[in-house]
Amino acid sequence: MKLGTLAESAGIALAAGGQATVTGFAIDNRKVAPGTVFGAFRGTQFNGEDFIPAAVAAGAVAVVASPQAQVAGAVHIADAEPRRVFARLAAQFFTPMPETVVAVTGTNGKTSIAEMTRQIWRMGGERAASIGTLGVTTADESISTGLTTPDVVTFLANMSGLAREGVTHVAFEASSHGLSQFRSEGPRVLAAAFTNLSRDHLDYHKDMDDYFAAKMRLFDEVVDPAGSAVVWLDDPWSARAVDHVRARRLKLLGVGAGADESGIRLLARTPGQLGQELQIAWAGETRTIKLPLIGAYQAANALVAAGLVLATGGSAAQVFDALARLQPVRGRLERAAITRAGAPVYVDYAHTPDALEAAISALRPHTAGRLIVVFGAGGDRDPGKRGPMGAAVAGGADLGIVTDDNPRGEDPAAIRAAVLAGGAGKLRDGGERRAAICLGVTEAGSRDVVLLAGKGHEQGQIVGSGEATRVLPFDDVTVARECAA
């Protein structure tokens, strides 16, 4: 495909070089081959402009970069927001795309909602996939990408590849990083969802308003102008999200206790031993749903997923019937083991104060004895949330055991100390993660429940930084089963 043709389709003016043949796109100069369009972006750790000479030497025919970048030997496509321009160009190259695409943003629940949406579609007979923290998941397999929102080249290549394999429906997670860096551009997004907002990623965003603004790019710019917005209405930030929806004149489908007759209104929720019963109102009718998942926020996730499918033409009867057959999402309140004493052990990805509170609240109605929580905070990430994480567990659990998460380049003991300081003397230092998990498992009696929080589906523990970074094999589910045995 000619560079000029791509540029014209993307609405980008070229001064020269339009006859160059484009064979691919890359943001890593090591992946450049003859005919590649190279994206040279300034990041927090690396400046892609430093690799422009290497990319040109490897055969790049064009470089998308800031106007100040020095480009010789290739077409310089200059823009003050080069990531956006690069994404627009790449979207014209990677075709076809799945017909029905939806996205979900928010601090918590993105992974579960994307995967539940895929499951509902699949049960309705659609060829469906999800893209996010768990990787690319189809009915046949799951492939890890390593990021909630992969880089735009990987994202678009995955989307196009799925379409070529016959996948027609895709739900993807739209993280704040991905939205602010234009990693999710290209597909026609027919519906988008907002779940909730709480403190996270403030090592990247300057404050909560900046964090929220990044999330709202999904409604402000990414979703199709004729598309729909599904909003969980029972969150303190929901009203502001609705303002963005209305400003764009998107169709609003509200979900939760605060929903009106145009949305999915949650009337009642009754916890059970292995799940919960939901009473909802939709389209003037009251329905009872037996959801085979525990926890209030799992109910919220399931209903938002239902909203996304309904917003894109799903049958109400099929959608609500499918909720009763949803399978647990990996690492999201996943029951990992039963201890010798008979206590269930759950694994969850909760790694923020709000997510810990939600997980604790989810398990409390199912706990006859003590709720034991084993958790920790990651290194080289927002240190301001460590104390509040400790406070959340100290205030909600009967026993909180602080351990290591992904310490990265920091001293694990120092991270634990910061978390312990927030617990006002009510938490115990459990040391390294395997020992702490075994401590929580062996402490549990027959009426107790154990929650292993923080790592969820992750299969490794990140230690060190820079060139010294190592990923040590570690799976909370496997360790829990070994300790229980």
Protein backbone atom coordinates (compact mmCIF):
# COMPACT_ATOMS: atom_id res chain seq x y z
CA MET A 1 0.00 0.00 0.00
CA LYS A 2 1.30 3.48 -0.88
CA LEU A 3 2.10 5.92 1.91
CA GLY A 4 0.13 8.63 0.11
CA THR A 5 -2.98 6.43 -0.04
CA LEU A 6 -2.77 5.70 3.69
CA ALA A 7 -2.25 9.36 4.52
CA GLU A 8 -5.17 10.48 2.35
CA SER A 9 -7.48 7.91 3.98
CA ALA A 10 -6.37 9.11 7.42
CA GLY A 11 -6.87 12.78 6.51
CA ILE A 12 -3.14 13.57 6.78
CA ALA A 13 -1.40 15.86 4.29
CA LEU A 14 2.01 14.78 2.96
CA ALA A 15 4.52 17.18 1.46
CA ALA A 16 6.43 14.40 -0.31
CA GLY A 17 7.12 10.67 -0.34
CA GLY A 18 3.60 9.55 -1.12
CA GLN A 19 4.77 6.89 -3.60
CA ALA A 20 6.73 4.93 -0.98
CA THR A 21 5.34 1.44 -0.41
CA VAL A 22 4.38 0.70 3.20
CA THR A 23 4.90 -2.85 4.46
CA GLY A 24 4.26 -2.37 8.17
CA PHE A 25 4.31 -0.18 11.27
CA ALA A 26 6.60 -0.25 14.32
CA ILE A 27 7.36 1.74 17.46
CA ASP A 28 10.41 -0.40 18.26
CA ASN A 29 13.32 0.29 15.90
CA ARG A 30 14.41 -3.36 16.26
CA LYS A 31 11.20 -4.38 14.48
CA VAL A 32 11.72 -2.07 11.51
CA ALA A 33 12.02 -3.68 8.09
CA PRO A 34 12.18 -2.09 4.62
CA GLY A 35 8.92 -0.21 4.04
CA THR A 36 8.05 0.34 7.72
CA VAL A 37 6.45 3.49 9.12
CA PHE A 38 8.29 4.17 12.39
CA GLY A 39 6.67 5.93 15.35
CA ALA A 40 9.22 7.92 17.37
CA PHE A 41 7.60 9.08 20.60
CA ARG A 42 8.93 10.71 23.74
CA GLY A 43 8.14 8.57 26.78
CA THR A 44 8.82 8.67 30.51
CA GLN A 45 11.79 6.28 30.27
CA PHE A 46 12.89 6.41 26.62
CA ASN A 47 12.88 8.97 23.83
CA GLY A 48 11.95 7.23 20.59
CA GLU A 49 13.52 10.07 18.63
CA ASP A 50 16.93 8.78 19.69
CA PHE A 51 16.31 5.67 17.53
CA ILE A 52 15.28 7.45 14.33
CA PRO A 53 18.70 7.00 12.59
CA ALA A 54 18.65 3.26 13.36
CA ALA A 55 15.09 2.94 12.08
CA VAL A 56 15.92 4.75 8.83
CA ALA A 57 19.02 2.61 8.39
CA ALA A 58 16.83 -0.49 8.78
CA GLY A 59 14.53 0.67 5.99
CA ALA A 60 11.88 2.94 7.49
CA VAL A 61 10.20 4.93 4.70
CA ALA A 62 8.52 7.40 7.05
CA VAL A 63 8.90 8.58 10.63
CA VAL A 64 6.01 9.97 12.65
CA ALA A 65 7.46 12.28 15.28
CA SER A 66 7.25 15.75 16.81
CA PRO A 67 8.08 18.75 14.60
CA GLN A 68 11.35 19.19 16.55
CA ALA A 69 12.61 15.69 15.72
CA GLN A 70 15.56 15.35 13.35
CA VAL A 71 14.70 13.03 10.44
CA ALA A 72 17.00 12.38 7.47
CA GLY A 73 16.55 9.78 4.74
CA ALA A 74 12.82 9.21 5.28
CA VAL A 75 9.55 11.15 5.15
CA HIS A 76 9.03 13.14 8.35
CA ILE A 77 5.35 13.16 9.27
CA ALA A 78 5.43 15.86 11.92
CA ASP A 79 2.72 16.57 14.47
CA ALA A 80 2.52 17.95 17.99
CA GLU A 81 0.65 14.75 18.92
CA PRO A 82 2.56 12.12 16.94
CA ARG A 83 0.97 9.15 18.72
CA ARG A 84 -2.48 10.18 17.48
CA VAL A 85 -1.27 10.64 13.87
CA PHE A 86 0.60 7.32 13.94
CA ALA A 87 -2.54 5.54 15.18
CA ARG A 88 -4.68 7.12 12.46
CA LEU A 89 -2.23 5.99 9.78
CA ALA A 90 -1.86 2.48 11.20
CA ALA A 91 -5.65 2.06 11.39
CA GLN A 92 -5.81 2.42 7.60
CA PHE A 93 -3.19 -0.29 7.15
CA PHE A 94 -4.53 -2.96 9.49
CA THR A 95 -7.72 -4.24 7.89
CA PRO A 96 -10.28 -5.74 8.11
CA MET A 97 -11.69 -5.04 11.59
CA PRO A 98 -14.37 -6.95 13.55
CA GLU A 99 -17.88 -5.63 12.91
CA THR A 100 -18.90 -5.13 16.54
CA VAL A 101 -16.36 -3.61 18.91
CA VAL A 102 -16.97 -2.36 22.47
CA ALA A 103 -14.61 -0.95 25.10
CA VAL A 104 -14.63 -0.61 28.86
CA THR A 105 -12.76 1.80 31.11
CA GLY A 106 -12.62 2.55 34.84
CA THR A 107 -10.28 1.69 37.70
CA ASN A 108 -11.74 -1.69 38.59
CA GLY A 109 -13.78 -4.27 36.70
CA LYS A 110 -12.40 -3.78 33.17
CA THR A 111 -11.01 -7.29 32.80
CA SER A 112 -14.09 -9.01 34.19
CA ILE A 113 -16.49 -6.97 32.08
CA ALA A 114 -14.55 -7.50 28.84
CA GLU A 115 -14.38 -11.25 29.47
CA MET A 116 -18.02 -11.50 30.59
CA THR A 117 -19.10 -9.60 27.47
CA ARG A 118 -17.17 -12.12 25.37
CA GLN A 119 -18.87 -14.99 27.21
CA ILE A 120 -22.37 -13.53 26.71
CA TRP A 121 -21.74 -13.06 23.00
CA ARG A 122 -20.36 -16.59 22.68
CA MET A 123 -23.40 -18.06 24.42
CA GLY A 124 -25.51 -16.14 21.91
CA GLY A 125 -23.74 -17.84 19.02
CA GLU A 126 -21.31 -15.06 18.06
CA ARG A 127 -17.61 -15.51 17.25
CA ALA A 128 -16.23 -13.30 20.02
CA ALA A 129 -12.96 -12.30 21.69
CA SER A 130 -11.70 -10.03 24.45
CA ILE A 131 -8.45 -8.07 24.65
CA GLY A 132 -6.93 -6.79 27.90
CA THR A 133 -5.03 -7.75 31.01
CA LEU A 134 -5.60 -11.46 30.38
CA GLY A 135 -4.31 -11.08 26.82
CA VAL A 136 -6.29 -11.99 23.71
CA THR A 137 -9.00 -14.46 24.69
CA THR A 138 -11.18 -16.39 22.24
CA ALA A 139 -13.31 -19.49 22.65
CA ASP A 140 -10.26 -21.55 21.68
CA GLU A 141 -7.32 -19.98 23.47
CA SER A 142 -5.82 -17.13 25.48
CA ILE A 143 -2.57 -15.42 24.48
CA SER A 144 -0.86 -13.03 26.90
CA THR A 145 0.15 -9.57 25.67
CA GLY A 146 1.64 -8.44 28.99
CA LEU A 147 -0.29 -5.16 29.15
CA THR A 148 -3.87 -4.11 29.87
CA THR A 149 -3.80 -2.06 26.67
CA PRO A 150 -1.03 -3.20 24.29
CA ASP A 151 0.78 -0.74 22.00
CA VAL A 152 -1.28 0.46 19.06
CA VAL A 153 0.54 -1.72 16.50
CA THR A 154 -0.06 -4.88 18.54
CA PHE A 155 -3.63 -3.82 19.25
CA LEU A 156 -4.51 -3.19 15.61
CA ALA A 157 -2.65 -6.29 14.39
CA ASN A 158 -4.56 -8.39 16.95
CA MET A 159 -7.87 -6.83 15.92
CA SER A 160 -7.22 -7.41 12.23
CA GLY A 161 -5.98 -10.94 12.86
CA LEU A 162 -9.13 -11.78 14.81
CA ALA A 163 -11.31 -10.43 11.99
CA ARG A 164 -9.41 -12.56 9.46
CA GLU A 165 -10.10 -15.61 11.64
CA GLY A 166 -13.83 -14.91 11.53
CA VAL A 167 -14.23 -13.12 14.88
CA THR A 168 -17.02 -10.57 14.55
CA HIS A 169 -17.39 -9.31 18.14
CA VAL A 170 -14.58 -7.94 20.34
CA ALA A 171 -14.59 -6.33 23.80
CA PHE A 172 -11.39 -4.59 24.89
CA GLU A 173 -10.10 -2.89 28.01
CA ALA A 174 -9.28 0.80 27.59
CA SER A 175 -6.80 1.79 30.31
CA SER A 176 -5.96 5.38 31.17
CA HIS A 177 -2.42 4.84 29.85
CA GLY A 178 -3.75 3.37 26.63
CA LEU A 179 -6.25 6.18 26.12
CA SER A 180 -3.81 8.99 26.88
CA GLN A 181 -1.22 7.41 24.54
CA PHE A 182 -3.71 6.72 21.72
CA ARG A 183 -3.17 2.96 21.86
CA SER A 184 -6.83 2.10 21.28
CA GLU A 185 -7.50 4.07 18.10
CA GLY A 186 -8.72 2.61 14.84
CA PRO A 187 -11.70 0.27 15.20
CA ARG A 188 -15.23 1.67 15.08
CA VAL A 189 -16.27 1.40 18.75
CA LEU A 190 -20.04 1.01 18.90
CA ALA A 191 -20.40 1.11 22.69
CA ALA A 192 -18.20 1.97 25.64
CA ALA A 193 -18.59 1.45 29.37
CA PHE A 194 -17.45 3.28 32.50
CA THR A 195 -17.26 1.26 35.73
CA ASN A 196 -15.86 3.38 38.56
CA LEU A 197 -12.90 5.54 39.55
CA SER A 198 -10.60 5.33 42.54
CA ARG A 199 -6.96 6.11 43.25
CA ASP A 200 -4.55 4.35 40.91
CA HIS A 201 -1.72 5.25 38.54
CA LEU A 202 -1.01 8.61 40.18
CA ASP A 203 2.66 7.95 39.44
CA TYR A 204 1.64 8.62 35.81
CA HIS A 205 -1.30 11.03 36.10
CA LYS A 206 -0.75 14.26 38.03
CA ASP A 207 -4.01 13.98 40.02
CA MET A 208 -7.42 12.34 40.05
CA ASP A 209 -8.91 14.89 37.66
CA ASP A 210 -6.15 14.17 35.14
CA TYR A 211 -6.71 10.44 35.62
CA PHE A 212 -10.45 10.86 35.04
CA ALA A 213 -9.89 13.04 31.98
CA ALA A 214 -7.75 10.28 30.43
CA LYS A 215 -10.56 7.78 31.00
CA MET A 216 -13.11 10.14 29.46
CA ARG A 217 -11.27 10.22 26.12
CA LEU A 218 -13.16 6.99 25.54
CA PHE A 219 -16.48 8.87 25.50
CA ASP A 220 -15.15 12.19 24.20
CA GLU A 221 -13.25 10.89 21.16
CA VAL A 222 -12.96 7.11 20.76
CA VAL A 223 -16.52 5.78 20.73
CA ASP A 224 -18.45 6.29 17.48
CA PRO A 225 -20.51 9.53 17.42
CA ALA A 226 -23.64 7.43 16.90
CA GLY A 227 -22.61 4.94 19.59
CA SER A 228 -23.75 4.13 23.10
CA ALA A 229 -22.34 4.62 26.60
CA VAL A 230 -23.00 2.13 29.38
CA VAL A 231 -22.37 3.73 32.79
CA TRP A 232 -22.44 2.10 36.23
CA LEU A 233 -24.36 4.84 38.04
CA ASP A 234 -23.61 3.94 41.67
CA ASP A 235 -20.10 5.41 41.79
CA PRO A 236 -19.16 8.93 43.02
CA TRP A 237 -17.63 9.73 39.60
CA SER A 238 -20.57 8.43 37.56
CA ALA A 239 -22.44 11.75 37.32
CA ARG A 240 -19.38 13.39 35.79
CA ALA A 241 -19.05 10.51 33.34
CA VAL A 242 -22.69 10.99 32.34
CA ASP A 243 -21.94 14.67 31.67
CA HIS A 244 -19.34 13.60 29.11
CA VAL A 245 -21.81 11.17 27.54
CA ARG A 246 -24.45 13.86 27.18
CA ALA A 247 -21.99 16.44 25.87
CA ARG A 248 -21.14 14.02 23.04
CA ARG A 249 -24.84 13.12 22.58
CA LEU A 250 -24.20 9.40 22.90
CA LYS A 251 -27.04 7.03 23.79
CA LEU A 252 -26.94 6.43 27.56
CA LEU A 253 -27.68 3.06 29.12
CA GLY A 254 -27.42 3.39 32.89
CA VAL A 255 -26.80 0.41 35.14
CA GLY A 256 -27.23 0.03 38.90
CA ALA A 257 -29.61 1.07 41.65
CA GLY A 258 -29.60 4.59 40.22
CA ALA A 259 -30.72 3.56 36.73
CA ASP A 260 -34.05 4.73 35.32
CA GLU A 261 -36.48 2.87 33.06
CA SER A 262 -34.14 3.20 30.07
CA GLY A 263 -31.37 1.22 31.78
CA ILE A 264 -30.76 -1.89 33.88
CA ARG A 265 -31.94 -1.08 37.39
CA LEU A 266 -30.67 -3.27 40.23
CA LEU A 267 -33.59 -3.71 42.65
CA ALA A 268 -32.15 -6.25 45.09
CA ARG A 269 -29.16 -8.54 45.60
CA THR A 270 -29.20 -11.61 47.86
CA PRO A 271 -25.88 -13.40 48.56
CA GLY A 272 -25.91 -17.20 48.51
CA GLN A 273 -23.38 -19.89 49.34
CA LEU A 274 -22.06 -20.22 45.77
CA GLY A 275 -23.41 -17.10 44.12
CA GLN A 276 -26.14 -14.50 44.41
CA GLU A 277 -29.66 -13.73 43.28
CA LEU A 278 -30.28 -10.43 41.50
CA GLN A 279 -33.58 -8.72 40.93
CA ILE A 280 -33.46 -6.23 38.09
CA ALA A 281 -35.82 -4.09 36.07
CA TRP A 282 -35.36 -3.76 32.30
CA ALA A 283 -37.76 -2.41 29.68
CA GLY A 284 -40.65 -2.33 32.13
CA GLU A 285 -40.20 -5.92 33.31
CA THR A 286 -38.79 -7.31 36.56
CA ARG A 287 -36.42 -10.26 36.20
CA THR A 288 -34.67 -12.58 38.65
CA ILE A 289 -31.13 -13.70 37.78
CA LYS A 290 -29.21 -16.42 39.61
CA LEU A 291 -25.63 -15.23 39.14
CA PRO A 292 -23.07 -18.01 39.83
CA LEU A 293 -20.47 -15.52 41.12
CA ILE A 294 -20.01 -14.01 44.56
CA GLY A 295 -19.63 -10.35 45.51
CA ALA A 296 -21.45 -7.07 44.90
CA TYR A 297 -18.93 -5.86 42.36
CA GLN A 298 -19.20 -9.09 40.37
CA ALA A 299 -22.91 -8.34 40.09
CA ALA A 300 -22.04 -4.85 38.88
CA ASN A 301 -19.55 -6.23 36.34
CA ALA A 302 -22.06 -8.76 35.00
CA LEU A 303 -24.79 -6.15 34.57
CA VAL A 304 -22.45 -3.70 32.81
CA ALA A 305 -21.38 -6.51 30.46
CA ALA A 306 -25.06 -7.22 29.81
CA GLY A 307 -25.52 -3.52 29.06
CA LEU A 308 -22.76 -3.57 26.44
CA VAL A 309 -24.33 -6.53 24.66
CA LEU A 310 -27.81 -4.97 24.79
CA ALA A 311 -26.42 -1.66 23.50
CA THR A 312 -25.03 -3.46 20.43
CA GLY A 313 -28.21 -5.29 19.51
CA GLY A 314 -28.26 -8.31 21.82
CA SER A 315 -31.55 -10.00 22.69
CA ALA A 316 -32.63 -9.28 26.27
CA ALA A 317 -33.88 -12.83 26.81
CA GLN A 318 -30.59 -14.33 25.61
CA VAL A 319 -28.43 -11.81 27.50
CA PHE A 320 -30.07 -12.24 30.91
CA ASP A 321 -30.22 -16.02 30.49
CA ALA A 322 -26.48 -16.03 29.78
CA LEU A 323 -25.72 -14.27 33.08
CA ALA A 324 -26.81 -17.40 34.95
CA ARG A 325 -24.11 -19.36 33.08
CA LEU A 326 -21.12 -17.01 33.40
CA GLN A 327 -17.81 -18.62 34.28
CA PRO A 328 -15.41 -17.05 36.82
CA VAL A 329 -12.76 -14.79 35.33
CA ARG A 330 -9.14 -15.80 36.03
CA GLY A 331 -7.80 -14.09 39.14
CA ARG A 332 -11.03 -12.22 39.89
CA LEU A 333 -12.48 -13.64 43.12
CA GLU A 334 -11.34 -17.01 41.80
CA ARG A 335 -11.66 -19.84 44.32
CA ALA A 336 -8.21 -21.39 44.33
CA ALA A 337 -8.35 -24.01 47.06
CA ILE A 338 -10.06 -25.38 50.14
CA THR A 339 -7.79 -25.72 53.17
CA ARG A 340 -7.59 -28.91 55.24
CA ALA A 341 -9.73 -27.13 57.82
CA GLY A 342 -12.35 -26.44 55.16
CA ALA A 343 -11.74 -22.73 54.55
CA PRO A 344 -12.08 -21.47 50.96
CA VAL A 345 -9.14 -19.50 49.54
CA TYR A 346 -9.89 -16.84 46.92
CA VAL A 347 -7.44 -15.07 44.61
CA ASP A 348 -8.19 -11.55 43.39
CA TYR A 349 -6.34 -8.86 41.43
CA ALA A 350 -7.31 -6.10 43.92
CA HIS A 351 -4.30 -3.78 44.20
CA THR A 352 -5.81 -0.41 45.16
CA PRO A 353 -7.50 0.71 48.41
CA ASP A 354 -10.89 0.82 46.71
CA ALA A 355 -10.47 -2.59 45.09
CA LEU A 356 -9.40 -4.14 48.41
CA GLU A 357 -12.46 -2.68 50.12
CA ALA A 358 -14.67 -4.04 47.35
CA ALA A 359 -13.14 -7.53 47.54
CA ILE A 360 -13.47 -7.58 51.33
CA SER A 361 -17.09 -6.42 51.09
CA ALA A 362 -17.75 -9.10 48.49
CA LEU A 363 -16.47 -11.90 50.70
CA ARG A 364 -17.84 -10.69 54.05
CA PRO A 365 -21.42 -11.99 53.52
CA HIS A 366 -19.95 -15.44 52.77
CA THR A 367 -17.75 -15.48 55.91
CA ALA A 368 -19.09 -17.07 59.09
CA GLY A 369 -15.79 -16.72 60.96
CA ARG A 370 -12.75 -14.56 60.21
CA LEU A 371 -11.82 -12.96 56.92
CA ILE A 372 -8.04 -13.29 56.44
CA VAL A 373 -6.43 -11.07 53.78
CA VAL A 374 -2.90 -11.55 52.42
CA PHE A 375 -1.84 -8.56 50.32
CA GLY A 376 0.98 -6.21 49.33
CA ALA A 377 1.84 -3.20 47.17
CA GLY A 378 3.99 -3.04 44.06
CA GLY A 379 7.33 -1.27 43.86
CA ASP A 380 8.14 1.65 41.54
CA ARG A 381 4.44 2.51 41.47
CA ASP A 382 2.33 5.20 43.19
CA PRO A 383 3.72 5.01 46.76
CA GLY A 384 0.90 7.21 48.05
CA LYS A 385 -1.61 4.35 47.92
CA ARG A 386 0.38 2.03 50.22
CA GLY A 387 -0.82 3.48 53.52
CA PRO A 388 -4.46 3.65 52.35
CA MET A 389 -4.21 0.02 51.21
CA GLY A 390 -3.10 -0.93 54.73
CA ALA A 391 -5.94 1.10 56.21
CA ALA A 392 -8.48 -0.56 53.91
CA VAL A 393 -7.48 -4.05 55.02
CA ALA A 394 -7.08 -3.11 58.70
CA GLY A 395 -10.59 -1.67 58.66
CA GLY A 396 -12.29 -4.52 56.82
CA ALA A 397 -10.46 -7.78 57.54
CA ASP A 398 -10.19 -9.73 60.78
CA LEU A 399 -6.55 -10.54 60.04
CA GLY A 400 -4.39 -8.68 57.52
CA ILE A 401 -1.04 -10.14 56.49
CA VAL A 402 1.26 -7.81 54.53
CA THR A 403 3.58 -9.40 51.99
CA ASP A 404 5.45 -8.65 48.76
CA ASP A 405 3.69 -8.01 45.47
CA ASN A 406 6.00 -7.05 42.58
CA PRO A 407 8.79 -5.19 44.42
CA ARG A 408 10.61 -4.28 41.19
CA GLY A 409 13.51 -1.94 42.02
CA GLU A 410 12.52 -1.16 45.61
CA ASP A 411 13.36 -2.81 48.92
CA PRO A 412 10.46 -5.20 49.66
CA ALA A 413 10.75 -4.63 53.41
CA ALA A 414 10.43 -0.86 52.92
CA ILE A 415 7.29 -1.31 50.82
CA ARG A 416 5.77 -3.58 53.47
CA ALA A 417 6.64 -1.05 56.17
CA ALA A 418 4.75 1.68 54.30
CA VAL A 419 1.69 -0.56 54.02
CA LEU A 420 1.95 -1.62 57.67
CA ALA A 421 2.10 2.04 58.73
CA GLY A 422 -1.37 2.56 57.29
CA GLY A 423 -2.77 -0.31 59.34
CA ALA A 424 -2.43 1.41 62.72
CA GLY A 425 -0.86 -1.66 64.32
CA LYS A 426 -3.63 -4.01 63.17
CA LEU A 427 -1.64 -5.78 60.45
CA ARG A 428 1.01 -8.50 60.55
CA ASP A 429 4.22 -8.58 58.47
CA GLY A 430 4.19 -11.89 56.64
CA GLY A 431 7.51 -11.50 54.84
CA GLU A 432 7.98 -12.92 51.34
CA ARG A 433 4.87 -13.97 49.42
CA ARG A 434 4.98 -17.77 49.55
CA ALA A 435 5.54 -17.77 53.31
CA ALA A 436 2.78 -15.20 53.82
CA ILE A 437 0.28 -17.19 51.74
CA CYS A 438 1.06 -20.34 53.72
CA LEU A 439 0.66 -18.36 56.94
CA GLY A 440 -2.79 -17.17 55.89
CA VAL A 441 -3.85 -20.65 54.76
CA THR A 442 -2.68 -22.41 57.93
CA GLU A 443 -4.22 -19.71 60.18
CA ALA A 444 -7.68 -20.28 58.67
CA GLY A 445 -10.27 -22.31 60.58
CA SER A 446 -13.30 -24.10 59.17
CA ARG A 447 -15.52 -21.00 59.33
CA ASP A 448 -12.91 -18.62 57.92
CA VAL A 449 -12.30 -17.29 54.39
CA VAL A 450 -8.88 -16.39 52.95
CA LEU A 451 -8.31 -13.71 50.29
CA LEU A 452 -4.99 -13.49 48.43
CA ALA A 453 -5.04 -10.04 46.87
CA GLY A 454 -2.89 -8.12 44.42
CA LYS A 455 -1.59 -10.44 41.73
CA GLY A 456 -4.68 -12.29 40.54
CA HIS A 457 -3.97 -13.98 37.19
CA GLU A 458 -0.27 -13.02 37.09
CA GLN A 459 2.17 -15.88 36.59
CA GLY A 460 5.33 -14.15 37.78
CA GLN A 461 6.80 -11.82 40.38
CA ILE A 462 8.81 -8.85 39.10
CA VAL A 463 12.02 -8.09 41.00
CA GLY A 464 14.79 -5.64 40.12
CA SER A 465 14.70 -2.77 37.66
CA GLY A 466 16.30 -1.79 34.38
CA GLU A 467 18.63 -4.41 32.96
CA ALA A 468 18.52 -6.24 36.29
CA THR A 469 14.78 -6.90 36.03
CA ARG A 470 13.78 -10.52 36.52
CA VAL A 471 10.38 -12.20 36.46
CA LEU A 472 10.33 -15.10 38.90
CA PRO A 473 7.67 -17.79 38.29
CA PHE A 474 4.87 -17.26 40.80
CA ASP A 475 1.16 -18.06 40.66
CA ASP A 476 -1.03 -17.33 43.71
CA VAL A 477 -3.47 -20.11 42.77
CA THR A 478 -0.73 -22.73 42.54
CA VAL A 479 0.94 -21.61 45.77
CA ALA A 480 -2.41 -21.57 47.59
CA ARG A 481 -3.07 -25.16 46.52
CA GLU A 482 0.40 -26.25 47.56
CA CYS A 483 0.01 -24.60 50.98
CA ALA A 484 -3.47 -26.07 51.44
CA ALA A 485 -2.11 -29.53 50.64
